[in-house]
Protein backbone atom coordinates (compact mmCIF):
# COMPACT_ATOMS: atom_id res chain seq x y z
CA MET A 1 -39.87 -122.63 233.39
CA PRO A 2 -38.19 -125.80 232.06
CA ASP A 3 -39.49 -126.89 228.66
CA GLY A 4 -42.36 -129.33 228.88
CA LEU A 5 -42.90 -128.84 232.60
CA ASP A 6 -46.54 -129.35 233.47
CA PRO A 7 -47.16 -128.02 237.00
CA TYR A 8 -50.37 -130.03 237.28
CA THR A 9 -48.87 -133.49 236.72
CA LEU A 10 -45.53 -133.29 238.55
CA ASP A 11 -44.64 -136.06 240.94
CA ARG A 12 -43.35 -135.13 244.38
CA GLN A 13 -39.68 -135.45 243.42
CA ASN A 14 -39.97 -133.17 240.39
CA TRP A 15 -42.05 -130.69 242.36
CA GLY A 16 -39.18 -130.20 244.79
CA ARG A 17 -36.61 -129.96 242.02
CA ASN A 18 -38.59 -127.24 240.24
CA TYR A 19 -39.87 -125.42 243.32
CA GLY A 20 -38.57 -121.99 242.33
CA ALA A 21 -39.73 -122.30 238.73
CA LEU A 22 -43.20 -123.34 239.86
CA LYS A 23 -43.51 -120.35 242.18
CA SER A 24 -42.47 -118.04 239.36
CA ARG A 25 -44.96 -119.68 237.01
CA ALA A 26 -47.75 -119.38 239.56
CA GLU A 27 -47.11 -115.64 239.93
CA LYS A 28 -47.11 -115.19 236.16
CA ASP A 29 -50.38 -117.11 235.79
CA VAL A 30 -52.04 -114.92 238.42
CA GLN A 31 -50.81 -111.72 236.77
CA ASP A 32 -51.94 -112.90 233.33
CA ALA A 33 -55.36 -113.98 234.58
CA TYR A 34 -56.05 -110.91 236.72
CA PRO A 35 -54.22 -107.95 235.16
CA GLY A 36 -54.25 -105.00 237.52
CA MET A 37 -56.23 -106.96 240.12
CA PHE A 38 -53.66 -109.15 241.83
CA THR A 39 -51.86 -109.10 245.16
CA ILE A 40 -48.78 -111.32 245.35
CA ILE A 41 -47.09 -111.80 248.70
CA ARG A 42 -43.58 -113.27 248.93
CA PRO A 43 -43.02 -114.10 252.60
CA GLY A 44 -39.64 -115.79 252.66
CA LEU A 45 -39.02 -117.89 255.80
CA ILE A 46 -42.12 -118.22 258.00
CA VAL A 47 -41.43 -119.05 261.66
CA GLY A 48 -42.98 -119.33 265.09
CA PRO A 49 -45.22 -121.72 267.01
CA LEU A 50 -46.59 -124.72 265.03
CA ASP A 51 -43.77 -124.60 262.47
CA PRO A 52 -42.81 -128.25 261.92
CA SER A 53 -39.68 -127.50 259.86
CA ASP A 54 -37.57 -126.83 263.00
CA ARG A 55 -35.49 -124.26 261.10
CA PHE A 56 -36.21 -121.45 263.54
CA THR A 57 -37.01 -123.69 266.51
CA TYR A 58 -33.55 -125.24 266.44
CA TRP A 59 -31.85 -122.07 267.70
CA PRO A 60 -33.96 -121.21 270.78
CA VAL A 61 -33.95 -124.87 271.82
CA ARG A 62 -30.21 -125.20 271.28
CA VAL A 63 -29.39 -121.97 273.12
CA GLU A 64 -31.65 -122.92 276.01
CA ARG A 65 -29.63 -126.14 276.41
CA GLY A 66 -26.59 -123.96 277.08
CA GLY A 67 -22.89 -124.69 276.89
CA GLU A 68 -20.71 -124.00 273.88
CA VAL A 69 -22.87 -123.31 270.82
CA LEU A 70 -21.61 -123.60 267.26
CA ALA A 71 -22.49 -120.30 265.59
CA PRO A 72 -22.12 -120.01 261.80
CA GLY A 73 -20.04 -117.42 259.98
CA ALA A 74 -19.79 -114.10 261.78
CA PRO A 75 -22.05 -112.22 264.23
CA ASN A 76 -22.90 -109.58 261.62
CA ASP A 77 -24.16 -112.10 259.02
CA VAL A 78 -27.85 -111.31 258.68
CA THR A 79 -31.05 -113.30 258.52
CA GLN A 80 -34.64 -112.50 257.61
CA PHE A 81 -37.84 -114.26 258.70
CA ILE A 82 -41.39 -113.45 259.71
CA ASP A 83 -43.60 -114.76 262.49
CA ALA A 84 -46.51 -116.62 260.87
CA ARG A 85 -48.96 -114.63 262.98
CA ASP A 86 -47.62 -111.29 261.74
CA LEU A 87 -47.81 -112.51 258.15
CA ALA A 88 -51.35 -113.84 258.61
CA GLU A 89 -52.66 -110.68 260.26
CA TRP A 90 -51.17 -108.46 257.56
CA THR A 91 -52.42 -110.72 254.75
CA VAL A 92 -55.95 -110.46 256.14
CA ARG A 93 -55.67 -106.68 256.27
CA MET A 94 -54.44 -106.63 252.67
CA ALA A 95 -57.34 -108.83 251.57
CA GLU A 96 -59.80 -106.54 253.32
CA MET A 97 -58.35 -103.56 251.45
CA GLY A 98 -58.97 -105.25 248.11
CA PRO A 99 -56.70 -105.27 245.04
CA ARG A 100 -57.53 -101.67 244.13
CA ASP A 101 -55.69 -100.48 247.26
CA SER A 102 -53.36 -103.38 247.96
CA GLY A 103 -52.55 -104.68 244.48
CA GLY A 104 -48.99 -105.44 243.43
CA VAL A 105 -46.06 -107.61 244.48
CA TYR A 106 -44.73 -107.48 248.05
CA ASN A 107 -41.76 -108.99 249.85
CA ALA A 108 -43.27 -109.76 253.26
CA THR A 109 -40.46 -110.82 255.54
CA GLY A 110 -38.91 -109.32 258.62
CA PRO A 111 -37.85 -107.80 260.82
CA ARG A 112 -37.94 -104.17 259.72
CA ALA A 113 -34.21 -104.39 258.94
CA PRO A 114 -32.15 -107.55 258.31
CA LEU A 115 -31.25 -109.09 261.67
CA PRO A 116 -27.61 -109.92 262.53
CA MET A 117 -27.25 -113.52 263.69
CA GLY A 118 -25.25 -112.34 266.68
CA GLU A 119 -28.16 -110.20 267.82
CA PHE A 120 -30.59 -113.05 267.23
CA LEU A 121 -28.58 -115.54 269.27
CA VAL A 122 -28.14 -113.06 272.11
CA ALA A 123 -31.94 -112.61 272.12
CA CYS A 124 -32.36 -116.38 272.40
CA LYS A 125 -29.92 -116.39 275.33
CA THR A 126 -31.72 -113.53 277.05
CA VAL A 127 -35.13 -115.16 276.71
CA THR A 128 -33.91 -118.53 277.96
CA SER A 129 -31.54 -117.19 280.65
CA SER A 130 -29.10 -119.88 279.56
CA ASN A 131 -25.33 -120.05 280.00
CA ALA A 132 -24.75 -120.47 276.26
CA ARG A 133 -21.36 -119.44 274.85
CA PHE A 134 -21.17 -118.78 271.12
CA THR A 135 -18.19 -119.93 269.09
CA TRP A 136 -18.28 -118.31 265.66
CA VAL A 137 -16.85 -120.60 262.99
CA PRO A 138 -16.14 -119.31 259.45
CA TRP A 139 -18.30 -120.55 256.63
CA SER A 140 -15.22 -121.83 254.81
CA PHE A 141 -14.43 -124.21 257.68
CA LEU A 142 -18.04 -125.28 258.00
CA ASP A 143 -18.01 -126.11 254.30
CA GLU A 144 -14.91 -128.24 254.81
CA GLN A 145 -16.75 -130.05 257.58
CA LYS A 146 -19.78 -130.54 255.30
CA VAL A 147 -21.93 -128.44 257.60
CA ARG A 148 -24.57 -126.96 255.33
CA ALA A 149 -25.91 -123.43 255.51
CA TRP A 150 -29.69 -123.20 255.96
CA ARG A 151 -30.00 -126.96 256.61
CA ASP A 152 -27.45 -127.70 259.36
CA MET A 153 -27.11 -124.06 260.41
CA PRO A 154 -30.71 -122.91 259.89
CA ILE A 155 -32.08 -119.50 258.87
CA VAL A 156 -28.75 -118.12 257.66
CA VAL A 157 -26.51 -118.42 254.59
CA PRO A 158 -23.06 -117.04 253.69
CA PRO A 159 -23.21 -113.32 252.86
CA ASP A 160 -21.12 -113.69 249.71
CA GLY A 161 -20.84 -115.94 246.68
CA GLU A 162 -24.01 -117.48 245.27
CA THR A 163 -26.05 -116.55 248.35
CA ALA A 164 -24.99 -112.89 248.54
CA GLY A 165 -28.02 -110.71 249.25
CA PHE A 166 -30.28 -113.68 250.05
CA SER A 167 -31.23 -112.25 253.45
CA ARG A 168 -31.47 -108.63 252.40
CA ARG A 169 -34.85 -108.54 250.65
CA ASN A 170 -36.31 -105.06 250.31
CA ILE A 171 -39.62 -104.89 252.20
CA ASP A 172 -40.32 -101.16 251.86
CA ARG A 173 -43.54 -101.70 249.84
CA ALA A 174 -44.95 -104.04 252.50
CA LEU A 175 -44.00 -101.66 255.30
CA ALA A 176 -45.75 -98.85 253.46
CA LYS A 177 -48.90 -101.00 253.44
CA GLY A 178 -48.80 -101.55 257.18
CA LEU A 179 -46.75 -104.71 257.73
CA THR A 180 -45.85 -104.87 261.42
CA PHE A 181 -43.84 -107.22 263.63
CA ARG A 182 -44.24 -108.45 267.17
CA PRO A 183 -41.09 -108.29 269.34
CA LEU A 184 -38.46 -110.92 268.57
CA ASP A 185 -38.41 -112.15 272.16
CA VAL A 186 -42.13 -112.93 271.91
CA THR A 187 -41.60 -115.14 268.86
CA ILE A 188 -38.68 -116.88 270.59
CA LYS A 189 -40.58 -117.51 273.84
CA ASP A 190 -43.79 -118.63 272.15
CA THR A 191 -41.85 -121.01 269.92
CA LEU A 192 -40.08 -122.52 272.92
CA ASP A 193 -43.36 -122.88 274.81
CA TRP A 194 -44.97 -124.59 271.83
CA ASN A 195 -42.01 -126.92 271.35
CA LYS A 196 -42.45 -128.18 274.90
CA THR A 197 -45.99 -129.31 274.02
CA ARG A 198 -44.85 -131.44 271.06
CA SER A 199 -44.64 -135.19 271.10
CA ALA A 200 -41.49 -136.86 272.39
CA ASP A 201 -40.89 -138.14 268.86
CA ASP A 202 -40.93 -134.63 267.41
CA ARG A 203 -38.58 -133.34 270.10
CA ASP A 204 -36.25 -136.30 269.54
CA LYS A 205 -36.15 -135.53 265.82
CA LEU A 206 -35.28 -131.92 266.60
CA ALA A 207 -32.46 -133.01 268.92
CA ALA A 208 -31.13 -135.34 266.22
CA GLY A 209 -31.21 -132.68 263.52
CA ALA A 210 -33.62 -134.79 261.47
CA ARG A 211 -35.29 -131.77 259.87
CA ALA A 212 -32.97 -128.84 260.52
CA GLY A 213 -29.93 -128.14 262.65
CA ILE A 214 -27.32 -130.68 263.69
CA SER A 215 -27.13 -133.16 266.53
CA ALA A 216 -25.24 -132.41 269.73
CA GLN A 217 -22.69 -135.07 268.81
CA ARG A 218 -21.99 -133.61 265.38
CA GLU A 219 -21.85 -130.09 266.79
CA ALA A 220 -19.25 -131.20 269.35
CA GLU A 221 -17.18 -132.86 266.61
CA VAL A 222 -17.12 -129.71 264.48
CA LEU A 223 -16.26 -127.51 267.46
CA SER A 224 -13.44 -129.86 268.44
CA ALA A 225 -12.06 -129.77 264.90
CA TRP A 226 -12.25 -125.97 264.85
CA HIS A 227 -10.43 -125.60 268.16
CA ALA A 228 -7.73 -128.01 266.96
CA LYS A 229 -7.29 -125.92 263.83
CA GLU A 230 -7.02 -122.73 265.90
CA LYS A 231 -4.16 -124.23 267.94
CA LYS A 232 -2.03 -124.95 264.89
């Protein structure tokens, strides 16, 4: 925790800057206040219907549109996330057990094993029955093009360097306490169905990459640059 940081008087800008430190401090405060009686759940990326961040939603919507799709890194780069409904149901079950039986710290993300992005995108294609074609572009080239992991290419980060291991959280303790997951295709379909009920403004923002993902125009520019590089 940065010296002099008061979590109760932070303005919005400082709150974002110290997000990780504040989460760590909150966990410590809970453990100090309730020794031996706490349950701390670390969910990671929460996805599914009603998620306004568009981080997960970007991919099913983009794949459904079809055509050549810019895919980041390599097909075996992994991601982790959890459907909000799975997290909520399990959290309720943990609360009903009480801290005597459910106490401790848990990484509550999914699926049961880290999911390769290639497998995820194929699932999106299967659910949408689209004609999408995936062009895998190395992270190094995306960096040159100022295409950002997680923000422009949502839910995934490079598997090496500073983000090595980011999407390989151990969830064994949560699994042992009954964490379960609905099928991936259900989360994809339900997210697509929900997206179609959103306002035109929200859908326009998604198409423009206002919250997560990149616009069709920028995607086409990066793909064109990559193909030109391949020809050299």
